[in-house]
Amino acid sequence: MTPEEMERFLSARQHSSEDALMAELAQMTRAQAQTGEMSPTRMEEIYDTLSPFLSERQREKMREVIRRLKS
């Protein structure tokens, strides 16, 4: 996902709760991992793209989602 796509994704969900947003990201990541579109490296790239848009707490939650998906 490019930074522009990520910005559109976040903008479209600006009124979603944090938990709902994180759940949707986790579900999308799992679906892409099952089809081979997502790898641990790609997860890190997405984190790097998203992190400037997130609060520290959100970054920590996203890190936790990534950790769980990698295991």
Protein backbone atom coordinates (compact mmCIF):
# COMPACT_ATOMS: atom_id res chain seq x y z
CA MET A 1 0.00 0.00 0.00
CA THR A 2 1.44 3.34 -1.02
CA PRO A 3 1.44 6.30 1.38
CA GLU A 4 -1.35 7.85 -0.69
CA GLU A 5 -3.46 4.69 -0.48
CA MET A 6 -2.83 4.49 3.25
CA GLU A 7 -3.86 8.11 3.68
CA ARG A 8 -7.10 7.41 1.78
CA PHE A 9 -7.66 4.27 3.89
CA LEU A 10 -7.25 6.21 7.13
CA SER A 11 -9.27 9.17 5.89
CA ALA A 12 -12.19 6.93 4.91
CA ARG A 13 -12.14 5.47 8.40
CA GLN A 14 -11.49 8.61 10.40
CA HIS A 15 -14.68 8.14 12.38
CA SER A 16 -14.00 4.49 13.15
CA SER A 17 -12.93 3.53 16.63
CA GLU A 18 -9.30 2.70 17.17
CA ASP A 19 -10.20 -0.90 17.96
CA ALA A 20 -12.27 -1.21 14.80
CA LEU A 21 -9.44 0.22 12.69
CA MET A 22 -6.85 -2.11 14.22
CA ALA A 23 -9.17 -5.10 13.77
CA GLU A 24 -9.70 -4.22 10.12
CA LEU A 25 -5.96 -3.87 9.54
CA ALA A 26 -5.36 -7.23 11.21
CA GLN A 27 -8.05 -8.90 9.10
CA MET A 28 -6.68 -7.39 5.88
CA THR A 29 -3.17 -8.50 6.77
CA ARG A 30 -4.27 -12.07 7.55
CA ALA A 31 -6.20 -12.27 4.27
CA GLN A 32 -3.20 -11.01 2.30
CA ALA A 33 -0.84 -13.40 4.12
CA GLN A 34 -3.06 -16.33 3.12
CA THR A 35 -2.88 -15.35 -0.55
CA GLY A 36 0.87 -14.74 -0.43
CA GLU A 37 0.54 -10.98 -0.88
CA MET A 38 1.79 -10.26 2.64
CA SER A 39 5.12 -11.17 4.16
CA PRO A 40 6.86 -10.17 7.40
CA THR A 41 8.92 -7.69 5.38
CA ARG A 42 5.79 -6.18 3.84
CA MET A 43 4.21 -5.88 7.32
CA GLU A 44 7.21 -3.85 8.44
CA GLU A 45 6.95 -1.64 5.34
CA ILE A 46 3.30 -0.95 6.11
CA TYR A 47 4.16 -0.16 9.72
CA ASP A 48 6.83 2.28 8.54
CA THR A 49 4.29 3.93 6.21
CA LEU A 50 1.55 4.15 8.83
CA SER A 51 3.54 5.05 11.92
CA PRO A 52 3.77 8.81 11.21
CA PHE A 53 -0.05 8.94 11.20
CA LEU A 54 -0.42 7.09 14.51
CA SER A 55 -0.13 8.03 18.15
CA GLU A 56 2.42 6.22 20.31
CA ARG A 57 -0.35 4.03 21.72
CA GLN A 58 -1.57 3.16 18.23
CA ARG A 59 1.97 2.34 17.12
CA GLU A 60 2.32 -0.02 20.08
CA LYS A 61 -0.98 -1.70 19.22
CA MET A 62 0.04 -2.07 15.59
CA ARG A 63 3.36 -3.56 16.69
CA GLU A 64 1.39 -6.07 18.74
CA VAL A 65 -0.83 -6.94 15.77
CA ILE A 66 2.26 -7.48 13.60
CA ARG A 67 3.91 -9.61 16.28
CA ARG A 68 0.82 -11.82 16.53
CA LEU A 69 0.51 -12.17 12.77
CA LYS A 70 4.15 -13.17 12.43
CA SER A 71 3.79 -16.00 14.93
